[in-house]
N, C-alpha and C. Protein backbone atom coordinates (compact mmCIF):
# COMPACT_ATOMS: atom_id res chain seq x y z
N MET A 1 -35.55 -15.72 -50.30
CA MET A 1 -34.50 -15.28 -51.01
C MET A 1 -33.55 -14.62 -50.55
N ILE A 2 -33.78 -13.70 -49.40
CA ILE A 2 -32.94 -13.10 -48.72
C ILE A 2 -32.03 -14.22 -47.69
N ASN A 3 -32.77 -15.20 -47.10
CA ASN A 3 -32.15 -15.83 -46.08
C ASN A 3 -31.04 -16.75 -46.88
N THR A 4 -31.54 -16.95 -48.36
CA THR A 4 -30.68 -17.94 -49.10
C THR A 4 -29.29 -17.06 -49.36
N LEU A 5 -29.61 -15.69 -49.47
CA LEU A 5 -28.19 -14.94 -49.99
C LEU A 5 -27.53 -14.55 -48.73
N LYS A 6 -28.19 -14.77 -47.36
CA LYS A 6 -27.39 -14.66 -46.23
C LYS A 6 -26.72 -15.73 -45.71
N ASN A 7 -27.30 -16.86 -46.35
CA ASN A 7 -26.57 -18.23 -46.16
C ASN A 7 -25.13 -18.27 -47.03
N PHE A 8 -25.66 -17.81 -48.08
CA PHE A 8 -24.83 -17.99 -49.16
C PHE A 8 -23.32 -17.25 -48.89
N GLY A 9 -23.46 -16.10 -48.60
CA GLY A 9 -22.57 -15.05 -48.17
C GLY A 9 -21.98 -15.76 -46.80
N LYS A 10 -22.62 -16.06 -45.79
CA LYS A 10 -21.84 -16.56 -44.49
C LYS A 10 -21.21 -17.81 -44.92
N ASN A 11 -21.65 -18.92 -45.88
CA ASN A 11 -20.95 -19.99 -46.17
C ASN A 11 -19.39 -19.53 -46.82
N LEU A 12 -19.60 -18.60 -48.02
CA LEU A 12 -18.54 -18.12 -48.60
C LEU A 12 -17.48 -17.50 -47.73
N VAL A 13 -17.85 -16.58 -46.75
CA VAL A 13 -16.94 -16.01 -45.83
C VAL A 13 -16.33 -17.25 -45.20
N PHE A 14 -17.14 -18.07 -44.55
CA PHE A 14 -16.41 -19.26 -44.09
C PHE A 14 -15.52 -20.00 -44.69
N ALA A 15 -15.70 -20.46 -45.70
CA ALA A 15 -14.77 -21.06 -46.94
C ALA A 15 -13.44 -20.55 -46.95
N THR A 16 -13.64 -19.21 -47.47
CA THR A 16 -12.57 -18.18 -47.68
C THR A 16 -11.77 -18.33 -46.59
N ILE A 17 -12.21 -18.01 -45.13
CA ILE A 17 -11.24 -18.36 -44.19
C ILE A 17 -10.77 -19.62 -43.78
N ILE A 18 -11.47 -20.73 -43.79
CA ILE A 18 -11.17 -22.18 -43.40
C ILE A 18 -10.21 -22.77 -44.19
N THR A 19 -10.55 -22.65 -45.55
CA THR A 19 -9.92 -23.16 -46.65
C THR A 19 -8.28 -22.94 -46.74
N PRO A 20 -7.80 -21.72 -46.61
CA PRO A 20 -6.15 -21.65 -46.40
C PRO A 20 -5.79 -22.18 -45.13
N ILE A 21 -6.90 -22.23 -43.96
CA ILE A 21 -6.18 -22.17 -42.59
C ILE A 21 -5.84 -24.29 -42.51
N LEU A 22 -6.78 -24.59 -43.44
CA LEU A 22 -6.74 -25.88 -43.51
C LEU A 22 -5.48 -26.26 -44.43
N LEU A 23 -5.20 -25.58 -45.61
CA LEU A 23 -4.18 -26.04 -46.52
C LEU A 23 -3.10 -25.59 -45.73
N LEU A 24 -2.71 -24.74 -45.13
CA LEU A 24 -1.66 -24.33 -44.24
C LEU A 24 -1.22 -25.50 -43.04
N THR A 25 -2.64 -25.93 -42.33
CA THR A 25 -2.41 -26.97 -41.30
C THR A 25 -1.71 -28.17 -42.01
N ALA A 26 -2.41 -28.51 -43.42
CA ALA A 26 -1.62 -29.92 -44.03
C ALA A 26 -0.29 -29.87 -44.42
N LEU A 27 0.16 -28.45 -44.77
CA LEU A 27 1.60 -28.35 -44.96
C LEU A 27 2.35 -28.32 -43.77
N GLY A 28 1.79 -27.97 -42.80
CA GLY A 28 2.63 -27.99 -41.30
C GLY A 28 2.64 -29.56 -41.12
N HIS A 29 1.39 -30.23 -41.22
CA HIS A 29 1.74 -31.58 -41.06
C HIS A 29 2.82 -32.32 -41.74
N LEU A 30 2.93 -32.13 -43.12
CA LEU A 30 3.86 -32.42 -44.15
C LEU A 30 5.43 -31.90 -43.67
N ALA A 31 5.37 -30.62 -43.17
CA ALA A 31 6.82 -30.09 -42.38
C ALA A 31 6.93 -30.86 -41.50
N ASP A 32 6.29 -31.47 -40.80
CA ASP A 32 6.48 -32.00 -39.25
C ASP A 32 6.99 -33.43 -39.54
N ILE A 33 6.12 -34.21 -40.64
CA ILE A 33 6.76 -35.32 -40.83
C ILE A 33 8.15 -35.38 -41.40
N MET A 34 8.47 -34.38 -42.62
CA MET A 34 9.82 -34.48 -43.05
C MET A 34 10.69 -34.11 -41.96
N THR A 35 10.29 -32.88 -41.10
CA THR A 35 11.48 -32.42 -40.15
C THR A 35 11.72 -33.81 -38.91
N THR A 36 10.88 -34.33 -38.82
CA THR A 36 10.92 -35.54 -37.56
C THR A 36 11.72 -36.54 -38.45
N TRP A 37 11.44 -36.99 -39.86
CA TRP A 37 12.18 -37.97 -40.61
C TRP A 37 13.67 -37.54 -40.36
N TYR A 38 13.96 -36.24 -40.91
CA TYR A 38 15.22 -36.08 -41.06
C TYR A 38 15.95 -35.97 -39.87
N ALA A 39 15.56 -35.62 -38.54
CA ALA A 39 15.97 -35.15 -37.54
C ALA A 39 16.42 -36.66 -36.73
N ILE A 40 15.61 -37.77 -36.95
CA ILE A 40 15.59 -39.00 -36.59
C ILE A 40 16.80 -39.90 -37.37
N THR A 41 16.43 -39.74 -38.63
CA THR A 41 17.35 -40.60 -39.94
C THR A 41 18.45 -40.15 -39.91
N ILE A 42 18.77 -38.83 -40.08
CA ILE A 42 20.08 -38.13 -40.45
C ILE A 42 20.81 -37.60 -39.36
N THR A 43 20.31 -36.94 -38.36
CA THR A 43 21.20 -36.25 -37.15
C THR A 43 21.14 -37.13 -36.00
N GLY A 44 20.11 -38.36 -35.71
CA GLY A 44 20.19 -39.17 -34.91
C GLY A 44 19.75 -38.64 -33.70
N ALA A 45 18.66 -37.87 -33.99
CA ALA A 45 18.08 -37.49 -32.66
C ALA A 45 16.76 -38.46 -32.34
N LYS A 46 16.25 -38.34 -30.93
CA LYS A 46 15.11 -39.24 -30.50
C LYS A 46 13.70 -38.31 -30.51
N GLU A 47 12.84 -39.26 -30.57
CA GLU A 47 11.42 -38.40 -30.76
C GLU A 47 11.08 -38.32 -29.10
N ALA A 48 10.66 -36.93 -28.84
CA ALA A 48 10.63 -36.60 -27.53
C ALA A 48 8.95 -36.69 -26.99
N ASN A 49 8.10 -36.94 -28.04
CA ASN A 49 6.76 -37.25 -27.73
C ASN A 49 6.46 -38.63 -27.00
N PRO A 50 6.13 -38.63 -25.92
CA PRO A 50 6.17 -39.85 -25.39
C PRO A 50 5.00 -41.08 -25.87
N PHE A 51 4.25 -40.45 -26.57
CA PHE A 51 2.90 -41.11 -27.32
C PHE A 51 3.69 -41.76 -28.71
N LEU A 52 4.72 -41.07 -29.28
CA LEU A 52 4.82 -41.75 -30.62
C LEU A 52 6.44 -41.98 -30.37
N ALA A 53 7.09 -42.11 -29.19
CA ALA A 53 8.23 -42.35 -29.13
C ALA A 53 8.66 -43.99 -29.39
N TRP A 54 7.91 -44.70 -28.67
CA TRP A 54 7.79 -46.12 -28.80
C TRP A 54 7.98 -46.46 -30.52
N PHE A 55 6.94 -45.79 -31.17
CA PHE A 55 6.96 -46.27 -32.66
C PHE A 55 7.92 -45.75 -33.57
N VAL A 56 8.14 -44.39 -33.31
CA VAL A 56 9.18 -43.69 -34.02
C VAL A 56 10.58 -44.10 -34.05
N ASN A 57 10.97 -44.53 -32.68
CA ASN A 57 12.17 -45.09 -32.39
C ASN A 57 12.72 -46.52 -32.48
N SER A 58 11.25 -47.30 -33.09
CA SER A 58 11.48 -48.37 -33.19
C SER A 58 12.34 -48.78 -34.87
N SER A 59 12.29 -49.85 -34.91
CA SER A 59 13.15 -50.43 -36.26
C SER A 59 12.20 -50.82 -37.21
N PHE A 60 10.50 -50.54 -37.10
CA PHE A 60 9.75 -50.97 -38.37
C PHE A 60 9.82 -50.13 -39.31
N LYS A 61 9.85 -50.99 -40.32
CA LYS A 61 10.44 -50.13 -41.72
C LYS A 61 9.28 -49.52 -42.37
N GLY A 62 8.03 -50.01 -42.31
CA GLY A 62 7.05 -48.77 -42.62
C GLY A 62 6.30 -47.88 -41.81
N LYS A 63 7.12 -47.47 -40.62
CA LYS A 63 6.94 -46.20 -39.80
C LYS A 63 6.53 -45.28 -40.21
N TRP A 64 7.28 -44.51 -41.00
CA TRP A 64 7.17 -43.07 -41.78
C TRP A 64 5.74 -43.26 -42.94
N ALA A 65 5.64 -44.40 -43.42
CA ALA A 65 4.40 -44.16 -44.22
C ALA A 65 3.13 -44.40 -43.45
N VAL A 66 3.12 -44.93 -42.30
CA VAL A 66 1.95 -45.21 -41.15
C VAL A 66 2.01 -43.90 -40.77
N LEU A 67 3.13 -43.05 -40.53
CA LEU A 67 2.71 -41.65 -39.62
C LEU A 67 2.13 -40.80 -40.60
N THR A 68 2.88 -41.02 -41.88
CA THR A 68 2.13 -40.04 -43.01
C THR A 68 0.53 -40.13 -43.33
N GLY A 69 0.22 -41.49 -43.31
CA GLY A 69 -1.08 -41.71 -43.52
C GLY A 69 -2.05 -41.33 -42.16
N ILE A 70 -1.53 -41.30 -41.17
CA ILE A 70 -2.25 -40.93 -39.63
C ILE A 70 -2.39 -39.26 -39.99
N LYS A 71 -1.38 -38.81 -40.43
CA LYS A 71 -1.42 -37.08 -40.26
C LYS A 71 -2.29 -36.77 -41.23
N ALA A 72 -2.45 -37.48 -42.56
CA ALA A 72 -3.61 -37.51 -44.06
C ALA A 72 -4.68 -37.54 -43.13
N LEU A 73 -4.99 -38.60 -42.38
CA LEU A 73 -6.12 -39.01 -41.62
C LEU A 73 -6.67 -37.31 -40.86
N VAL A 74 -5.85 -37.23 -40.09
CA VAL A 74 -6.12 -36.06 -39.10
C VAL A 74 -6.51 -34.84 -40.10
N VAL A 75 -6.20 -34.67 -41.08
CA VAL A 75 -6.24 -33.25 -41.84
C VAL A 75 -7.57 -33.62 -42.64
N ARG A 76 -7.91 -34.61 -42.86
CA ARG A 76 -9.14 -35.13 -43.69
C ARG A 76 -10.30 -35.14 -42.63
N HIS A 77 -10.12 -35.42 -41.33
CA HIS A 77 -10.92 -35.13 -40.20
C HIS A 77 -11.27 -33.85 -40.06
N GLU A 78 -10.19 -32.75 -40.13
CA GLU A 78 -10.66 -31.63 -39.79
C GLU A 78 -11.39 -30.78 -40.74
N ALA A 79 -10.93 -31.18 -42.00
CA ALA A 79 -11.54 -30.71 -43.03
C ALA A 79 -13.19 -31.26 -42.98
N GLN A 80 -13.20 -32.72 -42.93
CA GLN A 80 -14.71 -33.08 -42.98
C GLN A 80 -15.57 -32.41 -42.01
N VAL A 81 -15.10 -32.34 -40.73
CA VAL A 81 -15.87 -31.68 -39.53
C VAL A 81 -16.15 -30.12 -40.07
N ALA A 82 -15.19 -29.42 -40.38
CA ALA A 82 -15.28 -28.20 -40.52
C ALA A 82 -16.26 -27.73 -41.86
N TYR A 83 -16.45 -28.51 -42.78
CA TYR A 83 -17.34 -28.15 -43.72
C TYR A 83 -18.66 -28.96 -43.57
N GLU A 84 -18.64 -30.23 -42.91
CA GLU A 84 -19.98 -30.91 -42.48
C GLU A 84 -20.72 -30.28 -41.58
N TYR A 85 -20.20 -29.33 -40.45
CA TYR A 85 -20.74 -28.65 -39.55
C TYR A 85 -20.72 -27.28 -39.48
N ARG A 86 -20.57 -26.83 -40.67
CA ARG A 86 -20.26 -25.21 -40.87
C ARG A 86 -21.31 -24.59 -40.20
N GLN A 87 -22.56 -24.84 -40.16
CA GLN A 87 -23.39 -23.75 -39.80
C GLN A 87 -23.63 -23.77 -38.21
N TYR A 88 -22.67 -24.69 -37.52
CA TYR A 88 -22.64 -24.91 -36.00
C TYR A 88 -21.82 -23.84 -35.57
N TYR A 89 -20.73 -23.67 -36.51
CA TYR A 89 -19.69 -23.22 -36.00
C TYR A 89 -19.55 -21.46 -36.16
N GLY A 90 -18.66 -20.80 -35.49
CA GLY A 90 -18.79 -19.45 -35.66
C GLY A 90 -16.96 -19.22 -35.56
N ALA A 91 -16.84 -17.95 -34.62
CA ALA A 91 -15.64 -17.34 -34.54
C ALA A 91 -14.79 -17.96 -33.82
N GLY A 92 -15.39 -18.78 -32.87
CA GLY A 92 -14.58 -19.58 -31.93
C GLY A 92 -14.23 -20.99 -32.54
N PHE A 93 -14.66 -21.24 -33.25
CA PHE A 93 -13.96 -22.48 -34.36
C PHE A 93 -12.79 -22.10 -35.07
N ILE A 94 -13.21 -20.64 -35.93
CA ILE A 94 -12.19 -20.46 -36.70
C ILE A 94 -10.81 -20.15 -35.77
N LYS A 95 -10.76 -19.65 -34.66
CA LYS A 95 -9.77 -19.45 -33.88
C LYS A 95 -9.40 -20.69 -33.43
N ALA A 96 -9.96 -21.55 -33.01
CA ALA A 96 -9.48 -22.93 -32.62
C ALA A 96 -8.50 -23.62 -33.88
N MET A 97 -9.16 -23.51 -35.16
CA MET A 97 -8.45 -24.26 -36.24
C MET A 97 -7.39 -23.23 -36.29
N PHE A 98 -7.04 -21.95 -36.30
CA PHE A 98 -5.75 -21.16 -36.35
C PHE A 98 -5.03 -21.76 -35.07
N ILE A 99 -5.40 -21.69 -34.27
CA ILE A 99 -4.50 -22.35 -33.18
C ILE A 99 -3.77 -23.46 -33.51
N SER A 100 -4.72 -24.64 -33.70
CA SER A 100 -4.36 -25.77 -34.23
C SER A 100 -3.25 -25.86 -35.19
N CYS A 101 -3.30 -25.06 -36.37
CA CYS A 101 -2.33 -24.57 -37.49
C CYS A 101 -0.92 -24.20 -36.92
N ALA A 102 -1.07 -23.08 -36.04
CA ALA A 102 -0.14 -22.68 -35.31
C ALA A 102 0.79 -23.66 -34.53
N PHE A 103 -0.18 -24.35 -34.09
CA PHE A 103 0.52 -25.37 -33.00
C PHE A 103 1.48 -26.29 -33.87
N VAL A 104 0.92 -26.63 -35.11
CA VAL A 104 1.61 -27.72 -35.97
C VAL A 104 2.94 -27.01 -36.55
N TRP A 105 2.84 -25.92 -36.77
CA TRP A 105 3.81 -25.15 -37.41
C TRP A 105 4.99 -25.04 -36.42
N ALA A 106 4.65 -24.86 -35.07
CA ALA A 106 5.61 -24.42 -33.95
C ALA A 106 6.15 -25.51 -33.89
N VAL A 107 5.51 -27.15 -33.97
CA VAL A 107 6.43 -28.50 -33.78
C VAL A 107 7.32 -28.47 -34.91
N ALA A 108 7.01 -28.16 -36.40
CA ALA A 108 7.78 -28.01 -37.12
C ALA A 108 8.99 -27.23 -36.84
N ALA A 109 8.62 -26.46 -36.27
CA ALA A 109 9.92 -25.09 -36.25
C ALA A 109 10.92 -25.89 -35.25
N TRP A 110 10.36 -26.22 -33.95
CA TRP A 110 10.93 -27.07 -33.13
C TRP A 110 11.87 -28.00 -33.64
N ASN A 111 11.22 -28.72 -34.49
CA ASN A 111 12.16 -30.27 -35.25
C ASN A 111 13.34 -29.27 -35.85
N CYS A 112 13.06 -28.04 -36.76
CA CYS A 112 14.28 -27.56 -37.58
C CYS A 112 15.24 -27.17 -36.24
N SER A 113 14.72 -26.58 -35.31
CA SER A 113 15.76 -26.18 -34.35
C SER A 113 16.62 -27.09 -33.76
N VAL A 114 16.03 -28.40 -33.57
CA VAL A 114 16.75 -29.67 -33.22
C VAL A 114 17.78 -30.10 -34.58
N ILE A 115 17.22 -29.98 -35.39
CA ILE A 115 18.09 -30.53 -36.50
C ILE A 115 19.21 -29.32 -36.62
N LEU A 116 19.23 -28.06 -36.52
CA LEU A 116 19.98 -27.20 -36.45
C LEU A 116 21.08 -27.31 -35.34
N ARG A 117 20.35 -27.58 -34.21
CA ARG A 117 21.30 -27.83 -32.81
C ARG A 117 22.39 -29.04 -33.00
N ARG A 118 21.48 -30.22 -33.63
CA ARG A 118 22.32 -31.37 -33.62
C ARG A 118 23.65 -31.45 -34.86
N THR A 119 23.15 -30.54 -36.01
CA THR A 119 24.28 -30.37 -36.83
C THR A 119 25.41 -29.44 -36.84
N TYR A 120 24.90 -28.08 -36.49
CA TYR A 120 25.79 -26.90 -35.98
C TYR A 120 26.24 -26.73 -34.57
N GLY A 121 25.36 -27.37 -33.69
CA GLY A 121 25.84 -26.66 -32.53
C GLY A 121 27.04 -27.53 -31.78
N ARG A 122 27.41 -26.75 -30.75
CA ARG A 122 28.90 -27.58 -29.96
C ARG A 122 28.24 -28.28 -28.57
N ARG A 123 28.57 -29.57 -28.63
CA ARG A 123 28.02 -30.35 -27.57
C ARG A 123 29.55 -31.15 -27.02
N LYS A 124 29.16 -30.80 -25.73
CA LYS A 124 30.35 -31.63 -24.94
C LYS A 124 30.08 -33.08 -24.74
N GLU A 125 31.08 -33.98 -25.02
CA GLU A 125 30.82 -35.42 -24.97
C GLU A 125 31.33 -35.67 -23.69
N ALA A 126 30.48 -36.28 -22.92
CA ALA A 126 30.56 -36.96 -21.72
C ALA A 126 31.62 -37.85 -21.17
């Protein structure tokens, strides 16, 4: 009985910490897709990520749907790993999830800075 209560408490604390981090990560991926789309289609920016530049800067019509699907699969995989193997993870895993979330939001913030610089910044034409 005590072991069951200990596991319940551990799982409850884990779910209480990981669920908001996963939701913030999912919103960060959504913000990344939206700001990338806006920066490329509206302001004329180019994708800086060399792994995605060939695809994002292409003329393929369904590229944004494909990228959104890839981002959704990444979030699904993170959630699946977090909840399926939660008994093996401790504070280090929670820190890694938090860093991953912060990194995604940093990318979205960078995209916003690119949008602001291309919209309101002063550029000298060569």
